[in-house]
Amino acid sequence: LFVSAMLPPGGGSNLISSRLTRHMLLITLDSFEDNTLNKIFGTIMDWHFAKGFTDTLVRQAKAVVSATMEVYKTVTVQFL
C-alpha cells in the first residue's frame, strides 16, 4: 500500500513517469473553502475533546482550528 501526494508539474514539482503512475489510483480534490475546513476540523476537535478534557481546554478547540487554518493559509501563499 502506497499513499502519496503530488502537485501538477512546475514550480519545483517534477513530472512523474507514467511507468510509476500506472500502478496508482489517482484521486484529485479541489481545495475546500475555509468554512468547510473549519467545520470538518472543528467537528473532529469537538469529538476528541468530549473525551474527558476540562471545560477550559474544550473551549479552546475553536481557537486551535482557527490558528491552524491561519498557519495553513500563510504557508500555502508563501511556499506554493
N, C-alpha and C. Protein backbone atom coordinates (compact mmCIF):
# COMPACT_ATOMS: atom_id res chain seq x y z
N LEU A 1 0.85 -1.17 0.00
CA LEU A 1 0.00 0.00 0.00
C LEU A 1 0.89 1.23 0.00
N PHE A 2 0.70 2.08 -0.96
CA PHE A 2 1.41 3.35 -1.03
C PHE A 2 0.40 4.48 -0.97
N VAL A 3 0.69 5.46 -0.17
CA VAL A 3 -0.10 6.68 -0.13
C VAL A 3 0.84 7.81 -0.50
N SER A 4 0.47 8.60 -1.47
CA SER A 4 1.35 9.68 -1.91
C SER A 4 0.52 10.90 -2.28
N ALA A 5 1.21 12.00 -2.41
CA ALA A 5 0.57 13.25 -2.82
C ALA A 5 1.50 13.97 -3.78
N MET A 6 0.92 14.73 -4.67
CA MET A 6 1.75 15.45 -5.62
C MET A 6 1.01 16.68 -6.12
N LEU A 7 1.78 17.58 -6.68
CA LEU A 7 1.24 18.78 -7.32
C LEU A 7 1.42 18.65 -8.82
N PRO A 8 0.71 19.47 -9.58
CA PRO A 8 0.98 19.47 -11.03
C PRO A 8 2.42 19.87 -11.31
N PRO A 9 3.00 19.40 -12.41
CA PRO A 9 4.39 19.76 -12.73
C PRO A 9 4.56 21.28 -12.85
N GLY A 10 5.72 21.73 -12.44
CA GLY A 10 6.03 23.16 -12.49
C GLY A 10 6.21 23.72 -11.10
N GLY A 11 6.90 24.83 -10.99
CA GLY A 11 7.10 25.45 -9.69
C GLY A 11 7.88 24.58 -8.73
N GLY A 12 8.79 23.79 -9.24
CA GLY A 12 9.58 22.92 -8.37
C GLY A 12 9.07 21.49 -8.31
N SER A 13 7.88 21.23 -8.85
CA SER A 13 7.34 19.87 -8.88
C SER A 13 7.67 19.23 -10.22
N ASN A 14 8.13 18.01 -10.19
CA ASN A 14 8.53 17.31 -11.40
C ASN A 14 7.42 16.43 -11.92
N LEU A 15 7.47 16.14 -13.22
CA LEU A 15 6.54 15.21 -13.84
C LEU A 15 6.86 13.80 -13.35
N ILE A 16 5.84 13.06 -12.96
CA ILE A 16 6.02 11.68 -12.51
C ILE A 16 5.82 10.77 -13.72
N SER A 17 6.71 9.82 -13.90
CA SER A 17 6.66 8.97 -15.10
C SER A 17 5.40 8.11 -15.11
N SER A 18 4.92 7.85 -16.31
CA SER A 18 3.73 7.01 -16.46
C SER A 18 4.01 5.57 -16.03
N ARG A 19 5.27 5.15 -16.04
CA ARG A 19 5.63 3.81 -15.55
C ARG A 19 5.32 3.67 -14.07
N LEU A 20 5.42 4.76 -13.33
CA LEU A 20 5.08 4.73 -11.91
C LEU A 20 3.60 4.96 -11.68
N THR A 21 3.03 5.96 -12.35
CA THR A 21 1.64 6.31 -12.07
C THR A 21 0.65 5.25 -12.56
N ARG A 22 1.05 4.38 -13.47
CA ARG A 22 0.12 3.34 -13.92
C ARG A 22 -0.22 2.36 -12.80
N HIS A 23 0.59 2.33 -11.76
CA HIS A 23 0.34 1.45 -10.62
C HIS A 23 -0.50 2.13 -9.54
N MET A 24 -0.85 3.37 -9.77
CA MET A 24 -1.53 4.15 -8.75
C MET A 24 -2.98 4.44 -9.16
N LEU A 25 -3.81 4.60 -8.16
CA LEU A 25 -5.16 5.10 -8.38
C LEU A 25 -5.08 6.60 -8.11
N LEU A 26 -5.38 7.39 -9.11
CA LEU A 26 -5.25 8.83 -8.98
C LEU A 26 -6.59 9.43 -8.56
N ILE A 27 -6.57 10.14 -7.47
CA ILE A 27 -7.75 10.84 -6.98
C ILE A 27 -7.37 12.30 -6.82
N THR A 28 -8.15 13.18 -7.39
CA THR A 28 -7.86 14.60 -7.27
C THR A 28 -8.96 15.28 -6.47
N LEU A 29 -8.57 16.26 -5.69
CA LEU A 29 -9.52 17.02 -4.88
C LEU A 29 -9.26 18.50 -5.10
N ASP A 30 -10.32 19.24 -5.27
CA ASP A 30 -10.18 20.69 -5.30
C ASP A 30 -9.99 21.19 -3.88
N SER A 31 -9.50 22.38 -3.77
CA SER A 31 -9.34 22.98 -2.44
C SER A 31 -10.71 23.24 -1.83
N PHE A 32 -10.79 23.09 -0.52
CA PHE A 32 -12.03 23.35 0.19
C PHE A 32 -12.09 24.81 0.60
N GLU A 33 -13.28 25.33 0.75
CA GLU A 33 -13.45 26.68 1.28
C GLU A 33 -13.12 26.66 2.77
N ASP A 34 -12.76 27.83 3.29
CA ASP A 34 -12.37 27.93 4.70
C ASP A 34 -13.47 27.46 5.65
N ASN A 35 -14.72 27.82 5.37
CA ASN A 35 -15.79 27.42 6.29
C ASN A 35 -15.98 25.91 6.29
N THR A 36 -15.73 25.25 5.16
CA THR A 36 -15.82 23.79 5.10
C THR A 36 -14.72 23.15 5.93
N LEU A 37 -13.49 23.64 5.78
CA LEU A 37 -12.37 23.10 6.57
C LEU A 37 -12.58 23.36 8.06
N ASN A 38 -13.07 24.55 8.40
CA ASN A 38 -13.35 24.84 9.81
C ASN A 38 -14.40 23.89 10.38
N LYS A 39 -15.42 23.58 9.60
CA LYS A 39 -16.47 22.66 10.05
C LYS A 39 -15.90 21.25 10.23
N ILE A 40 -15.13 20.78 9.28
CA ILE A 40 -14.55 19.43 9.36
C ILE A 40 -13.65 19.30 10.58
N PHE A 41 -12.67 20.20 10.69
CA PHE A 41 -11.70 20.08 11.78
C PHE A 41 -12.29 20.49 13.12
N GLY A 42 -13.25 21.41 13.12
CA GLY A 42 -13.94 21.77 14.36
C GLY A 42 -14.73 20.59 14.91
N THR A 43 -15.38 19.85 14.04
CA THR A 43 -16.13 18.66 14.46
C THR A 43 -15.20 17.60 15.03
N ILE A 44 -14.06 17.40 14.39
CA ILE A 44 -13.08 16.43 14.90
C ILE A 44 -12.56 16.85 16.27
N MET A 45 -12.24 18.13 16.43
CA MET A 45 -11.74 18.62 17.72
C MET A 45 -12.80 18.50 18.80
N ASP A 46 -14.05 18.86 18.48
CA ASP A 46 -15.14 18.74 19.46
C ASP A 46 -15.32 17.29 19.89
N TRP A 47 -15.26 16.38 18.93
CA TRP A 47 -15.42 14.96 19.25
C TRP A 47 -14.28 14.49 20.15
N HIS A 48 -13.05 14.89 19.81
CA HIS A 48 -11.90 14.45 20.59
C HIS A 48 -11.92 15.03 22.00
N PHE A 49 -12.22 16.31 22.10
CA PHE A 49 -12.21 16.97 23.41
C PHE A 49 -13.39 16.57 24.29
N ALA A 50 -14.37 15.88 23.75
CA ALA A 50 -15.51 15.42 24.54
C ALA A 50 -15.14 14.20 25.39
N LYS A 51 -13.91 13.74 25.28
CA LYS A 51 -13.47 12.52 25.98
C LYS A 51 -12.81 12.84 27.32
N GLY A 52 -13.44 13.66 28.14
CA GLY A 52 -12.94 13.87 29.49
C GLY A 52 -11.96 15.00 29.68
N PHE A 53 -11.85 15.92 28.74
CA PHE A 53 -10.98 17.07 28.93
C PHE A 53 -11.70 18.14 29.75
N THR A 54 -10.95 19.03 30.33
CA THR A 54 -11.55 20.10 31.13
C THR A 54 -12.28 21.09 30.23
N ASP A 55 -13.26 21.79 30.81
CA ASP A 55 -14.03 22.77 30.04
C ASP A 55 -13.15 23.87 29.47
N THR A 56 -12.13 24.25 30.20
CA THR A 56 -11.22 25.29 29.72
C THR A 56 -10.55 24.87 28.41
N LEU A 57 -10.13 23.63 28.35
CA LEU A 57 -9.49 23.13 27.14
C LEU A 57 -10.50 22.94 26.01
N VAL A 58 -11.68 22.47 26.33
CA VAL A 58 -12.72 22.26 25.32
C VAL A 58 -13.06 23.57 24.63
N ARG A 59 -13.11 24.66 25.38
CA ARG A 59 -13.43 25.97 24.81
C ARG A 59 -12.35 26.46 23.86
N GLN A 60 -11.16 25.92 23.95
CA GLN A 60 -10.05 26.35 23.09
C GLN A 60 -10.03 25.63 21.74
N ALA A 61 -10.89 24.64 21.55
CA ALA A 61 -10.88 23.86 20.31
C ALA A 61 -11.08 24.75 19.09
N LYS A 62 -12.03 25.67 19.15
CA LYS A 62 -12.29 26.55 18.01
C LYS A 62 -11.09 27.44 17.72
N ALA A 63 -10.44 27.93 18.77
CA ALA A 63 -9.26 28.77 18.59
C ALA A 63 -8.11 27.99 17.96
N VAL A 64 -7.96 26.73 18.34
CA VAL A 64 -6.90 25.88 17.77
C VAL A 64 -7.15 25.68 16.27
N VAL A 65 -8.40 25.41 15.91
CA VAL A 65 -8.73 25.23 14.49
C VAL A 65 -8.48 26.51 13.71
N SER A 66 -8.90 27.64 14.25
CA SER A 66 -8.69 28.93 13.57
C SER A 66 -7.21 29.24 13.40
N ALA A 67 -6.43 29.02 14.44
CA ALA A 67 -4.99 29.29 14.37
C ALA A 67 -4.32 28.37 13.35
N THR A 68 -4.70 27.11 13.33
CA THR A 68 -4.14 26.17 12.38
C THR A 68 -4.49 26.56 10.95
N MET A 69 -5.71 27.02 10.74
CA MET A 69 -6.13 27.47 9.41
C MET A 69 -5.32 28.68 8.96
N GLU A 70 -5.04 29.60 9.87
CA GLU A 70 -4.23 30.77 9.53
C GLU A 70 -2.81 30.37 9.13
N VAL A 71 -2.23 29.44 9.88
CA VAL A 71 -0.89 28.95 9.53
C VAL A 71 -0.92 28.27 8.16
N TYR A 72 -1.91 27.44 7.93
CA TYR A 72 -2.05 26.73 6.65
C TYR A 72 -2.16 27.72 5.49
N LYS A 73 -3.02 28.73 5.62
CA LYS A 73 -3.20 29.71 4.55
C LYS A 73 -1.91 30.49 4.30
N THR A 74 -1.22 30.87 5.36
CA THR A 74 0.03 31.61 5.21
C THR A 74 1.08 30.77 4.49
N VAL A 75 1.20 29.51 4.88
CA VAL A 75 2.18 28.62 4.27
C VAL A 75 1.86 28.39 2.79
N THR A 76 0.58 28.17 2.47
CA THR A 76 0.24 27.92 1.07
C THR A 76 0.49 29.14 0.20
N VAL A 77 0.28 30.33 0.74
CA VAL A 77 0.53 31.55 -0.04
C VAL A 77 2.02 31.77 -0.23
N GLN A 78 2.80 31.57 0.82
CA GLN A 78 4.23 31.88 0.76
C GLN A 78 5.07 30.80 0.09
N PHE A 79 4.66 29.56 0.18
CA PHE A 79 5.52 28.48 -0.31
C PHE A 79 4.99 27.74 -1.53
N LEU A 80 3.75 27.94 -1.92
CA LEU A 80 3.24 27.22 -3.10
C LEU A 80 3.07 28.11 -4.28
